Each structure stands twice: as C-alpha cells, then as structure tokens.
Amino acid sequence: MSAPGATRWARIAAATALVSFAAAWLATGGDAATPEPSQRVLLIRAPGLTWDRVAEAARAGRMPELAGIIGEGSAAGDLDSRGYSGTAEQIASAVTGRFPFHHGVHDDAGLASAASREDGSFRPAWDWLGERGARLVTLGFPPGATVGDDPARLLQADPRAHFFLYLDRPDPDRARPSGAPDGLTGLDRLLGRLARAAGEQTTFLLFSESRTGSGGFFLAWGRGVRHSFETHTVAPVDLAATLIYLTGLPLPQDLDGSVMLEILDESYAIRHERVFRP
C-alpha cells in the first residue's frame, strides 16, 4: 500500500488539477438525489488507472470529461488489493462479490475460462440479476470478448439494462505514435460519451485493480451517490454487493462483500433495506 503522506499528496494533486476544469459544473447545486430501485447501474473496469496518473493527466488537460464528472460530485477511493495475489483475483472478486478461495480464479487463464465452469463457484453479479428478471449486458468479458465500436450507443439503445463494461485498453505508459491519443485520453472521451448516453437514472462504478501492490482506483458518481471529498477504502468484493443493492434486488446470502453505504446518499440507505435472499 502507498504511504499515507503519498496518498494525501495524490488526493491534493488530483483535486487541485481537477478543480480548474470543473468550475463550470460546481455551481449546479440542488437537492441530494434519491434513486429508485429501478435505476440502472454501470460497472466499468478500466486498467492502468491510479490517482497519480489521473492527477498528471488532469494537469495536462487530457481528462476534461472525468474532471467534469468529479466536479459535479462523486465518491472517490482506493481499491484495496491486500490479500489478493494478482489482478485476476481482484477482477473476479469485483464481479462476483466473493473472495478468491470461493470463486476459484487466481490467474488470467482462470479469469478467461471462469464463465464456462459448471461447478457454480464463479457466479458473476449479472447471472444473479438475470435469474431474477433483471437485464445486465456485459461487454468485453470474458477478457478478449468484443466490446463493440460504440458502447455508448448500446447503452442509450437499451435504457432498462444494467451494464458491465470490461475495458482492456493499452497501458497509459505504453509507447505510442507521436500525436496519437494516449490510453487515458481515449478512456476520458469514452467516459464522457457514456455519461451523456446513460441519462440521469444511472449510477456509475468505475474501478481499476492494483498492479503494483499499492491501492487501485475507485470512483462512483451519478444518481444516489453521496458527494464527498472523503477518501474511501473499497474492497473488490464490495463492488458486486453494491451493484446488486442498487438494482433493488435482494442480495445473495453467499456474498463475501458488503454494500458500500458510506458512498450512497443517506436518503437511499434509509429507504432501502439490505435484503438477503430468503
């Protein structure tokens, strides 16, 4: 994990850089959002994101869309990688809400083939939702699957569906031709298109697993999210639990994760009980 001083510096740097881009959005104000169970959720996995990289990109003017999102209000945090031996374990826990010794995925090959296993140990959130009549569209998962030319268009075309978007873009540090957009710039443009296509009924959960042993990246925004400058520590297993909770459906009893009530608007937490499958 990164040192506390470094973490605080990263937050301050990110906030300083983002505020300059977000000024147009800061005056929006208004009452806190109160989402309904029928709202939809968009879970996005994007590789290579860290708060240091986001801060650097914001200072250079390469992430104005994300700056606007944060300026409107969001909940930020670090994805806690302690207890996980690699990125595949973190991703599998994020989509199932279960620890590695329960879902059985420990490497990239296991993640790629997990969906075809028949022992029931790997059950992603969309399987649970689908069994209960909800619609969740997955794009890019398992790794290597087709995302499509324009995920934003698909999002707009299916307003009742929840989405899991698994992005596998080149690492931002990878060499690229002169003048070509880097990974963060392309991601920023996509996030902007998704935000505009999704509409006001959507809650976004964006995460990036840790590749170095330091904290990964987490950002939530949209309807029902508590706007806060406080930094949250998020366990991968909590992502699936929170996704299911936001759909208004009961939680599986075998989840290892917990609902991140601390990132949600109080009015939502009060109105919606944490219901488990009987």
Protein backbone atom coordinates (compact mmCIF):
# COMPACT_ATOMS: atom_id res chain seq x y z
CA MET A 1 0.00 0.00 0.00
CA SER A 2 1.23 3.54 -0.55
CA ALA A 3 2.41 5.63 2.36
CA PRO A 4 -0.23 7.89 3.99
CA GLY A 5 1.71 11.01 3.00
CA ALA A 6 1.89 9.93 -0.62
CA THR A 7 -1.80 9.12 -0.66
CA ARG A 8 -2.69 12.54 0.75
CA TRP A 9 -0.42 14.20 -1.80
CA ALA A 10 -2.09 12.34 -4.63
CA ARG A 11 -5.54 13.42 -3.43
CA ILE A 12 -4.45 17.05 -3.10
CA ALA A 13 -2.79 17.00 -6.51
CA ALA A 14 -5.81 15.41 -8.16
CA ALA A 15 -8.21 17.84 -6.51
CA THR A 16 -6.10 20.86 -7.45
CA ALA A 17 -5.84 19.82 -11.07
CA LEU A 18 -9.48 18.81 -11.42
CA VAL A 19 -10.99 21.92 -9.85
CA SER A 20 -9.68 24.13 -12.63
CA PHE A 21 -11.52 22.03 -15.21
CA ALA A 22 -14.66 21.55 -13.12
CA ALA A 23 -15.52 25.18 -12.38
CA ALA A 24 -18.39 25.18 -14.83
CA TRP A 25 -20.00 22.30 -13.00
CA LEU A 26 -19.51 23.38 -9.38
CA ALA A 27 -22.43 25.77 -9.39
CA THR A 28 -25.03 23.12 -10.16
CA GLY A 29 -26.13 22.55 -6.52
CA GLY A 30 -29.62 21.19 -5.82
CA ASP A 31 -31.10 18.63 -3.53
CA ALA A 32 -29.45 15.26 -2.98
CA ALA A 33 -30.53 12.59 -5.41
CA THR A 34 -32.94 9.91 -4.26
CA PRO A 35 -32.67 6.93 -6.61
CA GLU A 36 -35.38 4.38 -7.15
CA PRO A 37 -34.82 0.61 -7.16
CA SER A 38 -35.45 0.63 -10.91
CA GLN A 39 -32.43 2.81 -11.60
CA ARG A 40 -29.66 1.19 -13.58
CA VAL A 41 -26.03 0.61 -12.71
CA LEU A 42 -22.97 0.75 -14.95
CA LEU A 43 -19.89 -1.07 -13.65
CA ILE A 44 -16.72 -0.23 -15.58
CA ARG A 45 -13.32 -1.88 -15.28
CA ALA A 46 -10.51 0.18 -16.82
CA PRO A 47 -6.87 -0.95 -16.49
CA GLY A 48 -3.96 1.24 -15.50
CA LEU A 49 -5.81 3.93 -13.56
CA THR A 50 -4.19 5.37 -10.45
CA TRP A 51 -4.82 8.67 -8.72
CA ASP A 52 -1.29 9.80 -9.59
CA ARG A 53 -1.93 9.20 -13.30
CA VAL A 54 -5.32 10.90 -13.18
CA ALA A 55 -3.77 13.93 -11.46
CA GLU A 56 -0.99 14.17 -14.03
CA ALA A 57 -3.42 13.82 -16.92
CA ALA A 58 -5.73 16.45 -15.45
CA ARG A 59 -2.86 18.91 -15.05
CA ALA A 60 -2.02 18.37 -18.72
CA GLY A 61 -5.64 18.89 -19.78
CA ARG A 62 -6.06 15.33 -21.05
CA MET A 63 -9.06 14.31 -18.91
CA PRO A 64 -11.65 17.12 -19.02
CA GLU A 65 -14.60 14.69 -19.03
CA LEU A 66 -13.53 12.99 -15.81
CA ALA A 67 -12.76 16.39 -14.33
CA GLY A 68 -16.34 17.44 -15.05
CA ILE A 69 -17.70 14.24 -13.51
CA ILE A 70 -15.74 14.81 -10.31
CA GLY A 71 -16.72 18.49 -10.31
CA GLU A 72 -20.41 17.56 -10.41
CA GLY A 73 -19.97 15.32 -7.37
CA SER A 74 -18.60 11.87 -6.78
CA ALA A 75 -17.23 9.44 -4.21
CA ALA A 76 -13.56 8.52 -4.63
CA GLY A 77 -11.37 5.86 -3.12
CA ASP A 78 -8.65 3.25 -3.37
CA LEU A 79 -9.36 -0.34 -4.34
CA ASP A 80 -7.77 -2.36 -1.54
CA SER A 81 -5.59 -5.12 -3.01
CA ARG A 82 -4.38 -6.56 0.28
CA GLY A 83 -4.93 -10.31 0.43
CA TYR A 84 -5.04 -10.67 -3.36
CA SER A 85 -2.17 -12.31 -5.23
CA GLY A 86 -2.84 -10.73 -8.62
CA THR A 87 -5.12 -8.67 -10.81
CA ALA A 88 -7.25 -11.64 -11.93
CA GLU A 89 -8.26 -12.35 -8.34
CA GLN A 90 -9.28 -8.72 -7.83
CA ILE A 91 -11.37 -8.59 -11.01
CA ALA A 92 -13.11 -11.90 -10.27
CA SER A 93 -13.93 -10.73 -6.74
CA ALA A 94 -15.25 -7.43 -8.08
CA VAL A 95 -17.75 -9.12 -10.40
CA THR A 96 -18.80 -11.97 -8.06
CA GLY A 97 -18.62 -10.37 -4.60
CA ARG A 98 -16.70 -13.41 -3.35
CA PHE A 99 -13.16 -13.97 -2.10
CA PRO A 100 -10.67 -15.88 -4.29
CA PHE A 101 -10.91 -19.07 -2.24
CA HIS A 102 -14.63 -19.08 -3.03
CA HIS A 103 -14.68 -18.09 -6.72
CA GLY A 104 -11.55 -20.09 -7.59
CA VAL A 105 -9.99 -17.63 -10.06
CA HIS A 106 -6.29 -17.00 -9.47
CA ASP A 107 -4.74 -16.06 -12.81
CA ASP A 108 -5.57 -14.63 -16.24
CA ALA A 109 -6.28 -18.05 -17.75
CA GLY A 110 -8.70 -18.84 -14.95
CA LEU A 111 -10.45 -15.49 -15.44
CA ALA A 112 -10.82 -16.07 -19.19
CA SER A 113 -12.39 -19.52 -18.68
CA ALA A 114 -14.34 -18.85 -15.48
CA ALA A 115 -17.65 -18.18 -17.21
CA SER A 116 -17.63 -21.66 -18.75
CA ARG A 117 -17.13 -23.51 -15.46
CA GLU A 118 -20.01 -25.69 -14.37
CA ASP A 119 -19.27 -26.09 -10.66
CA GLY A 120 -21.13 -22.88 -9.75
CA SER A 121 -18.21 -21.36 -7.84
CA PHE A 122 -17.89 -18.46 -10.26
CA ARG A 123 -21.23 -16.67 -10.35
CA PRO A 124 -20.96 -13.06 -11.52
CA ALA A 125 -23.50 -10.47 -10.47
CA TRP A 126 -25.19 -10.50 -13.87
CA ASP A 127 -26.09 -14.18 -13.51
CA TRP A 128 -27.77 -13.45 -10.19
CA LEU A 129 -29.63 -10.48 -11.65
CA GLY A 130 -30.67 -12.38 -14.76
CA GLU A 131 -32.18 -15.18 -12.67
CA ARG A 132 -34.42 -12.56 -11.08
CA GLY A 133 -35.62 -10.93 -14.26
CA ALA A 134 -33.16 -8.06 -14.47
CA ARG A 135 -31.19 -7.41 -17.63
CA LEU A 136 -27.43 -6.89 -17.45
CA VAL A 137 -25.39 -6.56 -20.62
CA THR A 138 -21.70 -7.49 -20.45
CA LEU A 139 -19.26 -6.01 -22.95
CA GLY A 140 -15.65 -7.17 -23.23
CA PHE A 141 -15.94 -10.02 -20.69
CA PRO A 142 -14.53 -12.66 -20.52
CA PRO A 143 -11.27 -10.91 -21.42
CA GLY A 144 -10.88 -10.85 -25.17
CA ALA A 145 -14.60 -10.65 -25.91
CA THR A 146 -15.80 -7.91 -28.23
CA VAL A 147 -16.69 -4.57 -26.65
CA GLY A 148 -18.13 -3.08 -29.82
CA ASP A 149 -17.42 0.08 -31.74
CA ASP A 150 -19.58 2.33 -29.59
CA PRO A 151 -20.63 1.12 -26.10
CA ALA A 152 -22.34 4.45 -25.51
CA ARG A 153 -24.73 3.82 -28.37
CA LEU A 154 -25.64 0.40 -26.95
CA LEU A 155 -26.17 1.97 -23.55
CA GLN A 156 -28.56 4.53 -24.99
CA ALA A 157 -30.41 1.92 -27.05
CA ASP A 158 -31.24 -0.27 -24.02
CA PRO A 159 -32.37 2.07 -21.20
CA ARG A 160 -33.63 -0.77 -18.97
CA ALA A 161 -30.38 -2.73 -18.89
CA HIS A 162 -27.59 -2.64 -16.34
CA PHE A 163 -24.14 -2.79 -17.92
CA PHE A 164 -20.74 -4.26 -17.08
CA LEU A 165 -18.09 -2.81 -19.38
CA TYR A 166 -14.72 -4.56 -19.25
CA LEU A 167 -12.15 -2.38 -20.97
CA ASP A 168 -8.78 -3.80 -21.95
CA ARG A 169 -7.03 -0.78 -23.37
CA PRO A 170 -3.26 -0.38 -23.72
CA ASP A 171 -1.46 0.74 -20.61
CA PRO A 172 -1.14 4.57 -20.48
CA ASP A 173 2.65 4.24 -20.23
CA ARG A 174 2.94 2.19 -23.41
CA ALA A 175 4.80 3.84 -26.28
CA ARG A 176 2.52 5.28 -28.97
CA PRO A 177 2.96 7.18 -32.25
CA SER A 178 3.58 10.89 -31.97
CA GLY A 179 0.32 12.82 -31.83
CA ALA A 180 -1.83 9.76 -31.13
CA PRO A 181 -4.19 9.90 -28.11
CA ASP A 182 -2.94 8.00 -25.08
CA GLY A 183 -4.95 5.45 -23.12
CA LEU A 184 -6.19 7.96 -20.57
CA THR A 185 -7.36 10.43 -23.21
CA GLY A 186 -9.30 7.73 -25.04
CA LEU A 187 -10.81 6.50 -21.79
CA ASP A 188 -11.80 10.04 -20.85
CA ARG A 189 -13.64 10.54 -24.12
CA LEU A 190 -15.45 7.23 -23.68
CA LEU A 191 -16.50 8.10 -20.12
CA GLY A 192 -17.94 11.37 -21.36
CA ARG A 193 -19.96 9.62 -24.07
CA LEU A 194 -21.20 7.01 -21.60
CA ALA A 195 -22.26 9.64 -19.07
CA ARG A 196 -24.26 11.54 -21.68
CA ALA A 197 -25.84 8.39 -23.12
CA ALA A 198 -26.80 6.84 -19.78
CA GLY A 199 -29.07 9.59 -18.53
CA GLU A 200 -29.81 10.73 -15.01
CA GLN A 201 -31.11 7.37 -13.76
CA THR A 202 -27.69 5.71 -13.85
CA THR A 203 -25.14 5.08 -11.12
CA PHE A 204 -21.55 4.58 -12.30
CA LEU A 205 -18.98 2.43 -10.51
CA LEU A 206 -15.52 2.73 -12.10
CA PHE A 207 -12.60 0.68 -10.85
CA SER A 208 -9.06 -0.28 -11.76
CA GLU A 209 -7.33 -3.13 -10.00
CA SER A 210 -3.91 -2.64 -8.40
CA ARG A 211 -0.96 -3.86 -10.45
CA THR A 212 1.83 -2.79 -8.10
CA GLY A 213 0.62 -3.68 -4.60
CA SER A 214 -0.39 -0.09 -3.93
CA GLY A 215 -4.04 0.87 -3.91
CA GLY A 216 -6.13 0.53 -7.04
CA PHE A 217 -8.58 3.15 -8.28
CA PHE A 218 -12.28 3.59 -7.49
CA LEU A 219 -14.77 6.31 -8.42
CA ALA A 220 -18.57 6.37 -8.13
CA TRP A 221 -20.91 9.01 -9.49
CA GLY A 222 -24.43 9.52 -10.69
CA ARG A 223 -27.81 9.13 -9.10
CA GLY A 224 -27.78 8.19 -5.45
CA VAL A 225 -24.04 8.75 -4.87
CA ARG A 226 -23.08 10.87 -1.88
CA HIS A 227 -20.91 13.76 -2.99
CA SER A 228 -17.88 13.78 -0.74
CA PHE A 229 -14.21 14.76 -0.69
CA GLU A 230 -13.52 11.97 1.78
CA THR A 231 -11.36 9.10 0.52
CA HIS A 232 -12.87 5.63 0.86
CA THR A 233 -11.09 2.30 1.01
CA VAL A 234 -13.01 -0.15 -1.15
CA ALA A 235 -12.67 -3.93 -1.15
CA PRO A 236 -13.12 -5.60 -4.57
CA VAL A 237 -15.87 -7.86 -3.18
CA ASP A 238 -17.90 -4.78 -2.21
CA LEU A 239 -18.39 -3.74 -5.85
CA ALA A 240 -20.70 -6.63 -6.77
CA ALA A 241 -22.62 -6.31 -3.50
CA THR A 242 -23.21 -2.61 -4.11
CA LEU A 243 -24.17 -3.16 -7.74
CA ILE A 244 -26.86 -5.69 -6.79
CA TYR A 245 -28.10 -3.50 -3.96
CA LEU A 246 -28.51 -0.53 -6.30
CA THR A 247 -30.73 -2.56 -8.60
CA GLY A 248 -33.21 -3.01 -5.75
CA LEU A 249 -32.96 -6.81 -5.80
CA PRO A 250 -32.14 -9.00 -2.76
CA LEU A 251 -28.51 -9.82 -2.06
CA PRO A 252 -27.23 -13.40 -2.31
CA GLN A 253 -26.55 -14.98 1.07
CA ASP A 254 -23.16 -16.28 -0.05
CA LEU A 255 -21.69 -12.85 -0.78
CA ASP A 256 -18.43 -12.01 1.00
CA GLY A 257 -18.76 -8.33 0.14
CA SER A 258 -20.75 -5.59 1.86
CA VAL A 259 -22.82 -2.76 0.44
CA MET A 260 -20.87 0.49 0.40
CA LEU A 261 -23.50 2.52 2.19
CA GLU A 262 -20.88 5.15 3.00
CA ILE A 263 -20.74 6.25 -0.65
CA LEU A 264 -24.53 6.46 -1.06
CA ASP A 265 -26.86 9.30 -0.34
CA GLU A 266 -28.46 8.89 3.09
CA SER A 267 -31.96 9.11 1.66
CA TYR A 268 -31.29 5.98 -0.39
CA ALA A 269 -29.87 3.99 2.54
CA ILE A 270 -32.84 4.92 4.72
CA ARG A 271 -35.47 4.00 2.12
CA HIS A 272 -33.95 0.70 1.01
CA GLU A 273 -33.22 -2.14 3.39
CA ARG A 274 -30.35 -4.50 2.86
CA VAL A 275 -32.41 -7.53 1.89
CA PHE A 276 -30.92 -11.00 1.55
CA ARG A 277 -32.25 -13.95 -0.37
CA PRO A 278 -34.50 -15.99 1.95
